Protein backbone atom coordinates (compact mmCIF):
# COMPACT_ATOMS: atom_id res chain seq x y z
CA UNK A 1 -48.20 39.19 -72.88
CA UNK A 2 -46.36 42.10 -74.53
CA UNK A 3 -43.86 42.21 -71.65
CA UNK A 4 -43.12 38.48 -72.05
CA UNK A 5 -42.61 38.89 -75.80
CA UNK A 6 -40.20 41.80 -75.26
CA UNK A 7 -38.23 39.77 -72.72
CA UNK A 8 -38.05 36.86 -75.16
CA UNK A 9 -36.84 39.21 -77.92
CA UNK A 10 -34.13 40.65 -75.62
CA UNK A 11 -32.95 37.13 -74.70
CA UNK A 12 -32.80 36.16 -78.38
CA UNK A 13 -30.76 39.28 -79.23
CA UNK A 14 -28.48 38.59 -76.27
CA UNK A 15 -27.87 34.99 -77.41
CA UNK A 16 -27.16 36.19 -80.94
CA UNK A 17 -24.66 38.76 -79.69
CA UNK A 18 -23.05 36.15 -77.44
CA UNK A 19 -22.72 33.77 -80.40
CA UNK A 20 -20.94 36.36 -82.53
CA UNK A 21 -17.85 36.51 -80.30
CA UNK A 22 -16.81 32.83 -80.46
CA UNK A 23 -17.80 32.67 -84.13
CA UNK A 24 -15.70 35.67 -85.13
CA UNK A 25 -12.75 34.61 -82.97
CA UNK A 26 -12.75 31.01 -84.23
CA UNK A 27 -12.97 32.30 -87.81
CA UNK A 28 -10.02 34.66 -87.32
CA UNK A 29 -7.89 32.04 -85.56
CA UNK A 30 -8.53 29.41 -88.25
CA UNK A 31 -7.73 31.86 -91.04
CA UNK A 32 -4.43 32.80 -89.38
CA UNK A 33 -3.47 29.16 -88.81
CA UNK A 34 -4.54 28.30 -92.37
CA UNK A 35 -2.22 31.00 -93.70
CA UNK A 36 0.66 29.37 -91.83
CA UNK A 37 -0.37 25.94 -93.17
CA UNK A 38 -0.53 27.25 -96.74
CA UNK A 39 2.79 29.08 -96.44
CA UNK A 40 4.61 26.05 -95.04
CA UNK A 41 2.75 23.17 -96.66
CA UNK A 42 2.49 21.55 -93.23
CA UNK A 43 -0.66 20.17 -91.54
CA UNK A 44 -1.17 22.92 -88.99
CA UNK A 45 -4.95 22.57 -89.44
CA UNK A 46 -6.48 19.31 -88.21
CA UNK A 47 -9.90 18.31 -86.86
CA UNK A 48 -9.36 18.61 -83.12
CA UNK A 49 -8.51 22.30 -83.43
CA UNK A 50 -12.22 22.92 -84.04
CA UNK A 51 -13.46 21.82 -80.62
CA UNK A 52 -10.40 23.41 -79.01
CA UNK A 53 -11.30 26.74 -80.63
CA UNK A 54 -14.85 26.36 -79.36
CA UNK A 55 -13.61 25.87 -75.80
CA UNK A 56 -11.15 28.78 -76.01
CA UNK A 57 -13.68 31.27 -77.35
CA UNK A 58 -17.11 30.07 -76.19
CA UNK A 59 -16.09 28.94 -72.68
CA UNK A 60 -12.75 30.66 -72.07
CA UNK A 61 -13.02 30.64 -68.27
CA UNK A 62 -13.72 26.91 -67.95
CA UNK A 63 -10.78 24.78 -66.74
CA UNK A 64 -10.88 22.71 -69.95
CA UNK A 65 -10.06 25.87 -71.93
CA UNK A 66 -7.04 27.08 -69.95
CA UNK A 67 -3.64 26.96 -71.65
CA UNK A 68 -2.25 24.29 -69.29
CA UNK A 69 -5.08 21.86 -70.01
CA UNK A 70 -5.11 22.66 -73.73
CA UNK A 71 -1.38 22.22 -74.29
CA UNK A 72 -0.81 19.29 -71.93
CA UNK A 73 -4.01 17.55 -73.03
CA UNK A 74 -2.97 17.60 -76.69
CA UNK A 75 0.60 16.62 -75.76
CA UNK A 76 -0.77 13.60 -73.90
CA UNK A 77 -2.97 12.82 -76.91
CA UNK A 78 -0.06 12.95 -79.35
CA UNK A 79 2.23 10.84 -77.16
CA UNK A 80 -0.52 8.31 -76.41
CA UNK A 81 -1.37 8.05 -80.10
CA UNK A 82 2.28 7.37 -80.94
CA UNK A 83 2.48 4.76 -78.16
CA UNK A 84 -0.62 3.07 -79.56
CA UNK A 85 0.94 2.98 -83.03
CA UNK A 86 4.24 1.65 -81.68
CA UNK A 87 2.55 -1.00 -79.53
CA UNK A 88 0.87 -2.48 -82.59
CA UNK A 89 3.70 -2.03 -85.09
CA UNK A 90 1.98 0.74 -87.05
CA UNK A 91 4.46 3.61 -86.74
CA UNK A 92 5.40 3.39 -90.43
CA UNK A 93 1.93 2.54 -91.70
CA UNK A 94 -0.26 5.17 -93.30
CA UNK A 95 -3.97 5.58 -92.62
CA UNK A 96 -6.63 3.22 -93.90
CA UNK A 97 -9.98 4.26 -92.53
CA UNK A 98 -11.95 1.87 -94.73
CA UNK A 99 -10.32 -1.36 -93.53
CA UNK A 100 -9.86 -1.11 -89.78
CA UNK A 101 -8.16 -4.27 -88.60
CA UNK A 102 -7.36 -5.55 -85.13
CA UNK A 103 -4.00 -3.77 -85.06
CA UNK A 104 -5.53 -0.38 -85.78
CA UNK A 105 -8.42 -1.04 -83.39
CA UNK A 106 -5.92 -1.96 -80.68
CA UNK A 107 -3.79 1.11 -81.36
CA UNK A 108 -6.78 3.43 -81.08
CA UNK A 109 -8.13 1.72 -77.96
CA UNK A 110 -4.74 1.87 -76.20
CA UNK A 111 -4.17 5.47 -77.30
CA UNK A 112 -7.55 6.69 -76.11
CA UNK A 113 -7.25 4.81 -72.82
CA UNK A 114 -3.83 6.37 -72.21
CA UNK A 115 -5.12 9.82 -73.12
CA UNK A 116 -8.14 9.60 -70.82
CA UNK A 117 -6.06 8.17 -67.99
CA UNK A 118 -3.18 10.59 -68.49
CA UNK A 119 -5.37 13.68 -68.51
CA UNK A 120 -7.20 12.44 -65.43
CA UNK A 121 -4.00 11.52 -63.59
CA UNK A 122 -2.43 14.91 -64.30
CA UNK A 123 -5.72 16.79 -63.75
CA UNK A 124 -5.59 18.46 -67.17
CA UNK A 125 -8.94 17.62 -68.80
CA UNK A 126 -9.26 18.81 -72.39
CA UNK A 127 -11.79 16.69 -74.35
CA UNK A 128 -10.54 17.66 -77.84
CA UNK A 129 -7.28 15.86 -77.01
CA UNK A 130 -9.24 12.63 -77.41
CA UNK A 131 -9.72 13.53 -81.05
CA UNK A 132 -6.02 14.33 -81.40
CA UNK A 133 -5.05 10.91 -80.08
CA UNK A 134 -7.38 9.25 -82.60
CA UNK A 135 -5.95 11.34 -85.44
CA UNK A 136 -2.53 9.97 -84.52
CA UNK A 137 -3.55 6.39 -83.71
CA UNK A 138 -5.52 6.13 -86.96
CA UNK A 139 -2.34 7.13 -88.79
CA UNK A 140 -3.71 10.35 -90.27
CA UNK A 141 -0.78 12.31 -88.84
CA UNK A 142 1.92 10.00 -87.52
CA UNK A 143 5.44 10.98 -88.55
CA UNK A 144 7.62 12.78 -85.99
CA UNK A 145 7.51 15.97 -88.10
CA UNK A 146 3.70 15.80 -88.34
CA UNK A 147 3.38 15.23 -84.59
CA UNK A 148 5.50 18.31 -83.90
CA UNK A 149 3.37 20.26 -86.37
CA UNK A 150 0.21 19.16 -84.52
CA UNK A 151 1.67 20.45 -81.27
CA UNK A 152 2.76 23.68 -82.96
CA UNK A 153 -0.78 24.15 -84.29
CA UNK A 154 -2.19 23.70 -80.79
CA UNK A 155 0.37 26.17 -79.44
CA UNK A 156 -0.57 28.73 -82.12
CA UNK A 157 -4.28 28.38 -81.35
CA UNK A 158 -3.62 28.64 -77.61
CA UNK A 159 -1.56 31.80 -78.02
CA UNK A 160 -4.20 33.27 -80.34
CA UNK A 161 -6.91 32.34 -77.83
CA UNK A 162 -5.06 33.98 -74.95
CA UNK A 163 -4.28 37.08 -76.98
CA UNK A 164 -7.77 37.56 -78.43
CA UNK A 165 -9.54 36.85 -75.14
CA UNK A 166 -7.28 39.18 -73.19
CA UNK A 167 -7.68 41.95 -75.80
CA UNK A 168 -11.46 41.50 -75.49
CA UNK A 169 -11.20 42.10 -71.75
CA UNK A 170 -11.78 38.49 -70.74
CA UNK A 171 -9.68 37.48 -67.73
CA UNK A 172 -8.39 34.44 -69.60
CA UNK A 173 -5.78 32.58 -67.51
CA UNK A 174 -2.20 32.61 -68.70
CA UNK A 175 -1.53 29.04 -67.56
CA UNK A 176 -3.72 27.40 -64.88
CA UNK A 177 -7.47 27.63 -64.59
CA UNK A 178 -8.66 30.61 -62.60
CA UNK A 179 -9.54 29.84 -58.99
CA UNK A 180 -13.24 29.23 -58.46
């Protein structure tokens, strides 16, 4: 009984230690990106960076966390979101999350379908890109300058993820997922 309790305590300490790394790294990355956002007044921080940070720091060796999938996935999401907006005549329309009409519903459905299909077709799965496409298709960030800022925010987080993981001794890939 005592041996089982000691094993359980060791596992709990191990999980706690394992949780500290992604927590500290995500905190540091968000602070750095927030500083850039505050200094420029641009929307470098947006919701889908959260799950991207989780993938980069909690599961850095998974294919969904590699730089190729992260960058291309979000690029597909941004482009698909803009296509959805254009297809339904919403490129110049701001967000209205309280009155979703058929145009906005169509834009989000088309954008998410294109994102899912595009990532699958190009074999670059990155689930947080689905959130990015909805951010765009819902009109939250939709101007060309905002879309470039979104991509720059993803690039910053990806570079920070690669740098931090590599400094921590994690064999984080520089582009493609590591071979199985």
